[in-house]
Every structure is written in C-alpha cells, then in structure tokens.
C-alpha cells in the first residue's frame, strides 16, 4: 500500500506541472482548437486554447474565428504552455506567437468569449469588455450566443462533407 502512495506522490507533480514546448501549427480546426507539431517526424498534437471559448463553426462567427486564429499563427513558431488535458485528450494550453498571447488577441478582437467558470468572468475578461464596448466581431450582435448555450440548444455541428 505504501508503495502505491509513494508512486502517486512522485507522479503528481509531473501531472500538475505545466509543460512548455515550441512547435508549428499544422492545422486549425476551429476558433479555439488546432494541431501543432513539436518537430520533424513528430505527430501533431491536438491543442485547445485555454481561457476562451470561440463559436462553433456552424454558429454565427465560427468561420471568422477560425480564420482569425489561422491568420495569427500561420507559418510562425508558437510557444505552447500546457496546463493539463481535457476529457477528449486535447492539451489545454495558452499559446504565444511573436511574444503575443493568442487567446488575448482573439478575445480582444471579438472572435471569442473569455471562459466563464463558477462565477468568474475568466482570464480574458478585460479584453472581452473592450471588444464589447467597441462592438467588435461577435459583440457587434447584442444577441450573440455563448458556444456552450448554442451546443445545449443546437447540439454539435454536423461535419461538412
């Protein structure tokens, strides 16, 4: 029994500790999910941007959010700061390109909402408030719907064939 406890104690810091690595974006799936290669011969990893929620592709603003993310990261090295993995096996990470926080840029341009959780307005609340005040992107429409509410009402987007 004590061996199991020791094993858990030794592995826990590795699970909790953030990992930082460099890579190149190979594909952008939507406004908050992309695939990043860490080097030659290494399979791309699926990464979900932490701290924001972009509209679904079939939701108003979804294609614009994906296009904005592609424009920010295309053909540039990115720094990936992984905090943990979600239930789908994606790395949840903050991304930097040219020293710029990609999440802050997307939310500040009105292409995503700051993640809300347990009453918190999220890490990009200031950027969202600024985009709302300026009526940028999603926030040009006062009835813009949070992606989680859209998914509850609509269900997942159907794949385009």
N, C-alpha and C. Protein backbone atom coordinates (compact mmCIF):
# COMPACT_ATOMS: atom_id res chain seq x y z
N UNK A 1 0.82 -1.20 0.00
CA UNK A 1 0.00 0.00 0.00
C UNK A 1 0.86 1.26 0.00
N UNK A 2 1.89 1.29 0.84
CA UNK A 2 2.75 2.47 0.91
C UNK A 2 3.47 2.71 -0.41
N UNK A 3 3.70 1.64 -1.20
CA UNK A 3 4.35 1.78 -2.50
C UNK A 3 3.45 2.53 -3.47
N UNK A 4 2.15 2.25 -3.40
CA UNK A 4 1.20 2.95 -4.27
C UNK A 4 1.13 4.44 -3.89
N UNK A 5 1.14 4.71 -2.61
CA UNK A 5 1.09 6.10 -2.15
C UNK A 5 2.35 6.83 -2.60
N UNK A 6 3.50 6.20 -2.47
CA UNK A 6 4.75 6.80 -2.89
C UNK A 6 4.74 7.07 -4.39
N UNK A 7 4.23 6.14 -5.17
CA UNK A 7 4.16 6.29 -6.62
C UNK A 7 3.28 7.48 -6.99
N UNK A 8 2.13 7.61 -6.35
CA UNK A 8 1.23 8.73 -6.61
C UNK A 8 1.90 10.04 -6.24
N UNK A 9 2.59 10.08 -5.11
CA UNK A 9 3.27 11.30 -4.67
C UNK A 9 4.37 11.70 -5.64
N UNK A 10 5.04 10.75 -6.22
CA UNK A 10 6.11 11.05 -7.16
C UNK A 10 5.58 11.49 -8.52
N UNK A 11 4.44 10.93 -8.93
CA UNK A 11 3.88 11.26 -10.24
C UNK A 11 3.03 12.52 -10.23
N UNK A 12 2.44 12.87 -9.11
CA UNK A 12 1.54 14.01 -9.02
C UNK A 12 2.18 15.31 -9.49
N UNK A 13 3.40 15.65 -9.06
CA UNK A 13 3.98 16.91 -9.56
C UNK A 13 4.13 16.93 -11.07
N UNK A 14 4.42 15.82 -11.69
CA UNK A 14 4.56 15.77 -13.15
C UNK A 14 3.22 16.03 -13.82
N UNK A 15 2.13 15.59 -13.22
CA UNK A 15 0.80 15.78 -13.79
C UNK A 15 0.33 17.23 -13.63
N UNK A 16 0.71 17.85 -12.52
CA UNK A 16 0.24 19.19 -12.21
C UNK A 16 1.09 20.25 -12.90
N UNK A 17 2.35 19.96 -13.08
CA UNK A 17 3.28 20.93 -13.62
C UNK A 17 3.00 21.21 -15.09
N UNK A 18 3.02 22.49 -15.43
CA UNK A 18 2.81 22.87 -16.83
C UNK A 18 4.03 22.49 -17.67
N UNK A 19 3.76 22.15 -18.92
CA UNK A 19 4.84 21.84 -19.86
C UNK A 19 4.85 22.94 -20.92
N UNK A 20 6.04 23.39 -21.25
CA UNK A 20 6.18 24.41 -22.28
C UNK A 20 7.01 23.81 -23.42
N UNK A 21 6.53 23.95 -24.64
CA UNK A 21 7.26 23.46 -25.80
C UNK A 21 7.00 24.36 -27.00
N UNK A 22 7.85 24.25 -27.98
CA UNK A 22 7.73 25.04 -29.21
C UNK A 22 7.26 24.15 -30.34
N UNK A 23 6.54 24.72 -31.27
CA UNK A 23 6.06 23.95 -32.39
C UNK A 23 5.58 24.84 -33.52
N UNK A 24 5.02 24.16 -34.52
CA UNK A 24 4.45 24.86 -35.66
C UNK A 24 3.05 24.31 -35.91
N UNK A 25 2.13 25.21 -36.15
CA UNK A 25 0.73 24.82 -36.37
C UNK A 25 0.61 24.12 -37.72
N UNK A 26 0.03 22.93 -37.69
CA UNK A 26 -0.17 22.20 -38.94
C UNK A 26 -1.61 22.33 -39.45
N UNK A 27 -2.54 22.60 -38.54
CA UNK A 27 -3.95 22.73 -38.95
C UNK A 27 -4.73 23.45 -37.88
N UNK A 28 -5.70 24.26 -38.29
CA UNK A 28 -6.60 24.93 -37.37
C UNK A 28 -7.99 24.32 -37.59
N UNK A 29 -8.54 23.68 -36.55
CA UNK A 29 -9.84 23.02 -36.68
C UNK A 29 -10.99 24.01 -36.58
N UNK A 30 -10.90 24.90 -35.59
CA UNK A 30 -11.93 25.90 -35.38
C UNK A 30 -11.29 27.08 -34.64
N UNK A 31 -12.09 27.94 -34.06
CA UNK A 31 -11.56 29.14 -33.44
C UNK A 31 -10.80 28.95 -32.15
N UNK A 32 -10.82 27.74 -31.59
CA UNK A 32 -10.06 27.52 -30.34
C UNK A 32 -9.38 26.16 -30.28
N UNK A 33 -9.30 25.46 -31.40
CA UNK A 33 -8.65 24.15 -31.44
C UNK A 33 -7.75 24.07 -32.66
N UNK A 34 -6.51 23.58 -32.44
CA UNK A 34 -5.56 23.46 -33.53
C UNK A 34 -4.65 22.27 -33.30
N UNK A 35 -3.89 21.93 -34.33
CA UNK A 35 -2.93 20.83 -34.29
C UNK A 35 -1.55 21.43 -34.43
N UNK A 36 -0.63 21.04 -33.53
CA UNK A 36 0.71 21.62 -33.52
C UNK A 36 1.75 20.51 -33.52
N UNK A 37 2.74 20.66 -34.41
CA UNK A 37 3.86 19.71 -34.48
C UNK A 37 5.02 20.28 -33.67
N UNK A 38 5.61 19.42 -32.82
CA UNK A 38 6.74 19.85 -32.00
C UNK A 38 8.07 19.69 -32.72
N UNK A 39 8.09 19.04 -33.86
CA UNK A 39 9.33 18.86 -34.60
C UNK A 39 9.15 17.88 -35.75
N UNK A 40 10.20 17.72 -36.52
CA UNK A 40 10.15 16.79 -37.64
C UNK A 40 9.95 15.37 -37.15
N UNK A 41 9.12 14.65 -37.86
CA UNK A 41 8.89 13.25 -37.53
C UNK A 41 8.01 13.05 -36.30
N UNK A 42 7.54 14.14 -35.73
CA UNK A 42 6.68 14.05 -34.54
C UNK A 42 5.24 14.29 -34.99
N UNK A 43 4.34 13.44 -34.56
CA UNK A 43 2.93 13.60 -34.92
C UNK A 43 2.38 14.87 -34.28
N UNK A 44 1.53 15.60 -35.00
CA UNK A 44 0.92 16.81 -34.43
C UNK A 44 0.05 16.46 -33.22
N UNK A 45 0.02 17.36 -32.24
CA UNK A 45 -0.81 17.20 -31.05
C UNK A 45 -2.00 18.14 -31.15
N UNK A 46 -3.16 17.64 -30.72
CA UNK A 46 -4.36 18.46 -30.72
C UNK A 46 -4.33 19.35 -29.48
N UNK A 47 -4.49 20.66 -29.68
CA UNK A 47 -4.40 21.63 -28.61
C UNK A 47 -5.65 22.49 -28.59
N UNK A 48 -6.21 22.66 -27.42
CA UNK A 48 -7.38 23.53 -27.21
C UNK A 48 -6.90 24.74 -26.44
N UNK A 49 -7.21 25.94 -26.94
CA UNK A 49 -6.78 27.15 -26.27
C UNK A 49 -7.49 27.29 -24.93
N UNK A 50 -6.73 27.55 -23.91
CA UNK A 50 -7.22 27.67 -22.54
C UNK A 50 -7.67 29.10 -22.28
N UNK A 51 -8.79 29.24 -21.60
CA UNK A 51 -9.23 30.56 -21.16
C UNK A 51 -10.20 31.27 -22.07
N UNK A 52 -10.59 30.61 -23.16
CA UNK A 52 -11.55 31.24 -24.07
C UNK A 52 -12.47 30.20 -24.67
N UNK A 53 -13.55 30.68 -25.25
CA UNK A 53 -14.49 29.80 -25.94
C UNK A 53 -14.91 30.50 -27.22
N UNK A 54 -14.52 29.94 -28.35
CA UNK A 54 -14.86 30.50 -29.67
C UNK A 54 -16.15 29.86 -30.15
N UNK A 55 -16.88 30.55 -31.02
CA UNK A 55 -18.12 29.97 -31.53
C UNK A 55 -17.86 28.70 -32.34
N UNK A 56 -18.85 27.83 -32.35
CA UNK A 56 -18.79 26.62 -33.16
C UNK A 56 -18.76 27.03 -34.64
N UNK A 57 -18.20 26.18 -35.49
CA UNK A 57 -18.11 26.52 -36.92
C UNK A 57 -19.48 26.78 -37.55
N UNK A 58 -20.51 26.08 -37.10
CA UNK A 58 -21.84 26.25 -37.66
C UNK A 58 -22.62 27.38 -36.97
N UNK A 59 -21.98 28.04 -36.04
CA UNK A 59 -22.59 29.14 -35.30
C UNK A 59 -22.14 30.46 -35.94
N UNK A 60 -22.97 31.50 -35.90
CA UNK A 60 -22.51 32.79 -36.44
C UNK A 60 -21.18 33.20 -35.79
N UNK A 61 -20.24 33.58 -36.63
CA UNK A 61 -18.92 33.98 -36.14
C UNK A 61 -17.91 32.86 -36.07
N UNK A 62 -18.35 31.61 -36.26
CA UNK A 62 -17.46 30.46 -36.14
C UNK A 62 -16.38 30.41 -37.21
N UNK A 63 -16.75 30.64 -38.44
CA UNK A 63 -15.76 30.61 -39.53
C UNK A 63 -14.81 31.80 -39.39
N UNK A 64 -15.33 32.96 -39.01
CA UNK A 64 -14.48 34.14 -38.81
C UNK A 64 -13.47 33.90 -37.68
N UNK A 65 -13.89 33.21 -36.62
CA UNK A 65 -12.98 32.91 -35.51
C UNK A 65 -11.86 31.98 -35.98
N UNK A 66 -12.19 30.96 -36.75
CA UNK A 66 -11.17 30.05 -37.28
C UNK A 66 -10.21 30.80 -38.19
N UNK A 67 -10.73 31.66 -39.05
CA UNK A 67 -9.90 32.44 -39.97
C UNK A 67 -8.96 33.37 -39.19
N UNK A 68 -9.46 33.97 -38.12
CA UNK A 68 -8.64 34.87 -37.30
C UNK A 68 -7.51 34.10 -36.62
N UNK A 69 -7.82 32.91 -36.11
CA UNK A 69 -6.79 32.09 -35.47
C UNK A 69 -5.74 31.68 -36.51
N UNK A 70 -6.18 31.27 -37.69
CA UNK A 70 -5.25 30.90 -38.75
C UNK A 70 -4.33 32.07 -39.09
N UNK A 71 -4.88 33.26 -39.19
CA UNK A 71 -4.08 34.44 -39.54
C UNK A 71 -3.04 34.75 -38.47
N UNK A 72 -3.38 34.52 -37.21
CA UNK A 72 -2.44 34.79 -36.11
C UNK A 72 -1.26 33.83 -36.08
N UNK A 73 -1.50 32.56 -36.42
CA UNK A 73 -0.47 31.54 -36.20
C UNK A 73 0.15 30.96 -37.47
N UNK A 74 -0.36 31.33 -38.63
CA UNK A 74 0.10 30.73 -39.88
C UNK A 74 1.60 30.94 -40.11
N UNK A 75 2.29 29.83 -40.35
CA UNK A 75 3.71 29.84 -40.72
C UNK A 75 4.61 30.52 -39.69
N UNK A 76 4.22 30.46 -38.43
CA UNK A 76 5.02 31.07 -37.37
C UNK A 76 5.28 30.04 -36.28
N UNK A 77 6.45 30.12 -35.64
CA UNK A 77 6.67 29.24 -34.49
C UNK A 77 5.79 29.70 -33.33
N UNK A 78 5.25 28.73 -32.60
CA UNK A 78 4.39 29.04 -31.46
C UNK A 78 4.96 28.42 -30.20
N UNK A 79 4.75 29.10 -29.09
CA UNK A 79 5.11 28.55 -27.78
C UNK A 79 3.83 28.03 -27.14
N UNK A 80 3.86 26.78 -26.73
CA UNK A 80 2.69 26.12 -26.15
C UNK A 80 2.96 25.89 -24.67
N UNK A 81 2.09 26.43 -23.84
CA UNK A 81 2.20 26.28 -22.39
C UNK A 81 1.02 25.42 -21.93
N UNK A 82 1.25 24.11 -21.82
CA UNK A 82 0.19 23.16 -21.50
C UNK A 82 -0.05 23.13 -19.99
N UNK A 83 -1.30 23.32 -19.60
CA UNK A 83 -1.65 23.24 -18.18
C UNK A 83 -2.16 21.86 -17.80
N UNK A 84 -2.98 21.24 -18.66
CA UNK A 84 -3.49 19.89 -18.43
C UNK A 84 -4.19 19.41 -19.69
N UNK A 85 -4.76 18.21 -19.63
CA UNK A 85 -5.53 17.67 -20.75
C UNK A 85 -7.00 17.63 -20.38
N UNK A 86 -7.85 17.79 -21.40
CA UNK A 86 -9.28 17.68 -21.15
C UNK A 86 -9.75 16.24 -21.34
N UNK A 87 -11.03 16.02 -21.18
CA UNK A 87 -11.57 14.66 -21.26
C UNK A 87 -11.49 14.08 -22.67
N UNK A 88 -11.23 14.91 -23.67
CA UNK A 88 -11.10 14.45 -25.05
C UNK A 88 -9.64 14.16 -25.42
N UNK A 89 -8.72 14.32 -24.47
CA UNK A 89 -7.32 14.05 -24.72
C UNK A 89 -6.56 15.21 -25.34
N UNK A 90 -7.22 16.36 -25.46
CA UNK A 90 -6.54 17.54 -26.02
C UNK A 90 -5.71 18.20 -24.93
N UNK A 91 -4.56 18.74 -25.31
CA UNK A 91 -3.80 19.58 -24.40
C UNK A 91 -4.56 20.89 -24.25
N UNK A 92 -4.76 21.34 -23.03
CA UNK A 92 -5.34 22.65 -22.76
C UNK A 92 -4.17 23.58 -22.51
N UNK A 93 -4.02 24.59 -23.34
CA UNK A 93 -2.80 25.38 -23.30
C UNK A 93 -3.03 26.84 -23.65
N UNK A 94 -2.12 27.65 -23.19
CA UNK A 94 -2.01 29.03 -23.65
C UNK A 94 -0.97 29.02 -24.75
N UNK A 95 -1.19 29.83 -25.75
CA UNK A 95 -0.33 29.86 -26.92
C UNK A 95 0.23 31.27 -27.10
N UNK A 96 1.50 31.34 -27.44
CA UNK A 96 2.11 32.63 -27.75
C UNK A 96 2.74 32.55 -29.13
N UNK A 97 2.59 33.63 -29.88
CA UNK A 97 3.24 33.76 -31.18
C UNK A 97 3.82 35.16 -31.23
N UNK A 98 5.07 35.26 -31.59
CA UNK A 98 5.78 36.55 -31.61
C UNK A 98 5.65 37.27 -30.27
N UNK A 99 5.66 36.51 -29.16
CA UNK A 99 5.56 37.10 -27.82
C UNK A 99 4.17 37.59 -27.45
N UNK A 100 3.19 37.26 -28.25
CA UNK A 100 1.81 37.73 -28.06
C UNK A 100 0.91 36.58 -27.63
N UNK A 101 0.06 36.81 -26.64
CA UNK A 101 -0.89 35.81 -26.16
C UNK A 101 -2.01 35.68 -27.20
N UNK A 102 -2.09 34.53 -27.84
CA UNK A 102 -3.07 34.29 -28.90
C UNK A 102 -4.51 34.40 -28.37
N UNK A 103 -4.76 33.87 -27.19
CA UNK A 103 -6.10 33.95 -26.60
C UNK A 103 -6.54 35.38 -26.36
N UNK A 104 -5.64 36.18 -25.81
CA UNK A 104 -5.95 37.59 -25.57
C UNK A 104 -6.25 38.32 -26.88
N UNK A 105 -5.49 37.99 -27.93
CA UNK A 105 -5.70 38.62 -29.23
C UNK A 105 -7.06 38.25 -29.82
N UNK A 106 -7.43 36.97 -29.72
CA UNK A 106 -8.73 36.53 -30.27
C UNK A 106 -9.90 37.16 -29.53
N UNK A 107 -9.85 37.14 -28.21
CA UNK A 107 -10.94 37.72 -27.42
C UNK A 107 -10.98 39.23 -27.63
N UNK A 108 -9.82 39.87 -27.63
CA UNK A 108 -9.75 41.32 -27.81
C UNK A 108 -10.26 41.80 -29.16
N UNK A 109 -10.21 40.93 -30.16
CA UNK A 109 -10.72 41.27 -31.50
C UNK A 109 -12.19 40.87 -31.67
N UNK A 110 -12.77 40.27 -30.62
CA UNK A 110 -14.17 39.90 -30.68
C UNK A 110 -14.45 38.57 -31.36
N UNK A 111 -13.46 37.68 -31.40
CA UNK A 111 -13.65 36.37 -32.04
C UNK A 111 -13.93 35.25 -31.06
N UNK A 112 -13.94 35.55 -29.76
CA UNK A 112 -14.21 34.53 -28.74
C UNK A 112 -14.59 35.22 -27.44
N UNK A 113 -15.19 34.43 -26.57
CA UNK A 113 -15.53 34.89 -25.22
C UNK A 113 -14.45 34.44 -24.25
N UNK A 114 -14.24 35.20 -23.21
CA UNK A 114 -13.40 34.75 -22.11
C UNK A 114 -14.16 33.63 -21.41
N UNK A 115 -13.47 32.54 -21.06
CA UNK A 115 -14.13 31.41 -20.40
C UNK A 115 -14.72 31.82 -19.07
N UNK A 116 -15.96 31.44 -18.87
CA UNK A 116 -16.64 31.70 -17.60
C UNK A 116 -16.71 30.40 -16.83
N UNK A 117 -16.43 30.50 -15.54
CA UNK A 117 -16.46 29.30 -14.72
C UNK A 117 -16.71 29.68 -13.27
N UNK A 118 -17.75 29.10 -12.70
CA UNK A 118 -18.10 29.32 -11.30
C UNK A 118 -18.12 30.80 -10.90
N UNK A 119 -18.80 31.58 -11.69
CA UNK A 119 -18.96 32.99 -11.37
C UNK A 119 -17.81 33.89 -11.82
N UNK A 120 -16.72 33.32 -12.27
CA UNK A 120 -15.59 34.12 -12.76
C UNK A 120 -15.84 34.51 -14.21
N UNK A 121 -15.41 35.71 -14.57
CA UNK A 121 -15.53 36.16 -15.96
C UNK A 121 -14.37 35.67 -16.81
N UNK A 122 -13.42 34.99 -16.21
CA UNK A 122 -12.34 34.36 -16.95
C UNK A 122 -11.11 35.23 -17.10
N UNK A 123 -10.06 34.63 -17.65
CA UNK A 123 -8.76 35.32 -17.74
C UNK A 123 -8.70 36.45 -18.76
N UNK A 124 -9.63 36.47 -19.69
CA UNK A 124 -9.61 37.50 -20.73
C UNK A 124 -10.82 38.43 -20.60
N UNK A 125 -11.28 38.64 -19.38
CA UNK A 125 -12.45 39.49 -19.13
C UNK A 125 -12.21 40.93 -19.58
N UNK A 126 -11.01 41.44 -19.36
CA UNK A 126 -10.70 42.81 -19.76
C UNK A 126 -10.76 42.95 -21.28
N UNK A 127 -10.18 41.97 -21.98
CA UNK A 127 -10.19 42.00 -23.45
C UNK A 127 -11.62 41.88 -23.98
N UNK A 128 -12.43 41.03 -23.34
CA UNK A 128 -13.82 40.88 -23.78
C UNK A 128 -14.60 42.17 -23.56
N UNK A 129 -14.41 42.80 -22.41
CA UNK A 129 -15.12 44.06 -22.12
C UNK A 129 -14.75 45.13 -23.15
N UNK A 130 -13.49 45.18 -23.51
CA UNK A 130 -13.03 46.16 -24.51
C UNK A 130 -13.65 45.87 -25.88
N UNK A 131 -13.68 44.59 -26.28
CA UNK A 131 -14.27 44.22 -27.57
C UNK A 131 -15.77 44.49 -27.57
N UNK A 132 -16.43 44.23 -26.45
CA UNK A 132 -17.87 44.53 -26.34
C UNK A 132 -18.12 46.02 -26.49
N UNK A 133 -17.35 46.83 -25.77
CA UNK A 133 -17.53 48.28 -25.81
C UNK A 133 -17.33 48.83 -27.23
N UNK A 134 -16.41 48.23 -27.98
CA UNK A 134 -16.12 48.68 -29.35
C UNK A 134 -17.04 48.01 -30.38
N UNK A 135 -17.84 47.03 -29.95
CA UNK A 135 -18.73 46.32 -30.88
C UNK A 135 -17.97 45.51 -31.92
N UNK A 136 -16.86 44.91 -31.50
CA UNK A 136 -16.03 44.14 -32.43
C UNK A 136 -16.53 42.71 -32.61
N UNK A 137 -16.39 42.18 -33.81
CA UNK A 137 -16.67 40.77 -34.09
C UNK A 137 -18.01 40.29 -33.58
N UNK A 138 -17.96 39.26 -32.75
CA UNK A 138 -19.18 38.67 -32.18
C UNK A 138 -20.03 39.69 -31.44
N UNK A 139 -19.36 40.66 -30.85
CA UNK A 139 -20.03 41.60 -29.97
C UNK A 139 -20.72 42.74 -30.73
N UNK A 140 -20.66 42.68 -32.06
CA UNK A 140 -21.45 43.61 -32.87
C UNK A 140 -22.92 43.20 -32.81
N UNK A 141 -23.17 41.94 -32.49
CA UNK A 141 -24.53 41.41 -32.36
C UNK A 141 -24.87 41.28 -30.88
N UNK A 142 -25.79 42.10 -30.38
CA UNK A 142 -26.12 42.03 -28.95
C UNK A 142 -26.72 40.68 -28.53
N UNK A 143 -27.21 39.91 -29.51
CA UNK A 143 -27.81 38.60 -29.20
C UNK A 143 -26.83 37.45 -29.41
N UNK A 144 -25.54 37.75 -29.55
CA UNK A 144 -24.55 36.68 -29.75
C UNK A 144 -24.65 35.68 -28.60
N UNK A 145 -24.63 34.41 -28.97
CA UNK A 145 -24.87 33.32 -28.01
C UNK A 145 -23.58 32.60 -27.64
N UNK A 146 -23.37 32.42 -26.34
CA UNK A 146 -22.21 31.66 -25.88
C UNK A 146 -22.22 30.27 -26.51
N UNK A 147 -21.06 29.77 -26.91
CA UNK A 147 -20.99 28.45 -27.55
C UNK A 147 -21.61 27.33 -26.70
N UNK A 148 -21.41 27.36 -25.39
CA UNK A 148 -21.98 26.29 -24.56
C UNK A 148 -23.51 26.33 -24.60
N UNK A 149 -24.11 27.53 -24.67
CA UNK A 149 -25.56 27.64 -24.78
C UNK A 149 -26.03 27.19 -26.16
N UNK A 150 -25.26 27.54 -27.17
CA UNK A 150 -25.56 27.12 -28.54
C UNK A 150 -25.55 25.59 -28.63
N UNK A 151 -24.52 24.95 -28.05
CA UNK A 151 -24.42 23.48 -28.09
C UNK A 151 -25.58 22.83 -27.35
N UNK A 152 -26.00 23.40 -26.23
CA UNK A 152 -27.14 22.85 -25.48
C UNK A 152 -28.42 22.91 -26.31
N UNK A 153 -28.60 24.02 -27.00
CA UNK A 153 -29.81 24.22 -27.79
C UNK A 153 -29.76 23.50 -29.13
N UNK A 154 -28.63 23.56 -29.80
CA UNK A 154 -28.48 23.08 -31.17
C UNK A 154 -27.88 21.67 -31.27
N UNK A 155 -27.06 21.32 -30.28
CA UNK A 155 -26.28 20.10 -30.40
C UNK A 155 -24.98 20.40 -31.13
N UNK A 156 -24.16 19.40 -31.34
CA UNK A 156 -22.89 19.64 -32.03
C UNK A 156 -23.10 19.95 -33.51
N UNK A 157 -22.15 20.66 -34.08
CA UNK A 157 -22.21 20.95 -35.53
C UNK A 157 -22.06 19.65 -36.29
N UNK A 158 -22.74 19.54 -37.39
CA UNK A 158 -22.57 18.37 -38.26
C UNK A 158 -21.35 18.61 -39.13
N UNK A 159 -20.53 17.58 -39.33
CA UNK A 159 -19.35 17.74 -40.19
C UNK A 159 -19.73 18.12 -41.61
N UNK A 160 -18.94 19.01 -42.18
CA UNK A 160 -19.16 19.43 -43.58
C UNK A 160 -18.52 18.38 -44.48
N UNK A 161 -19.24 17.93 -45.49
CA UNK A 161 -18.71 16.89 -46.40
C UNK A 161 -18.46 17.44 -47.75
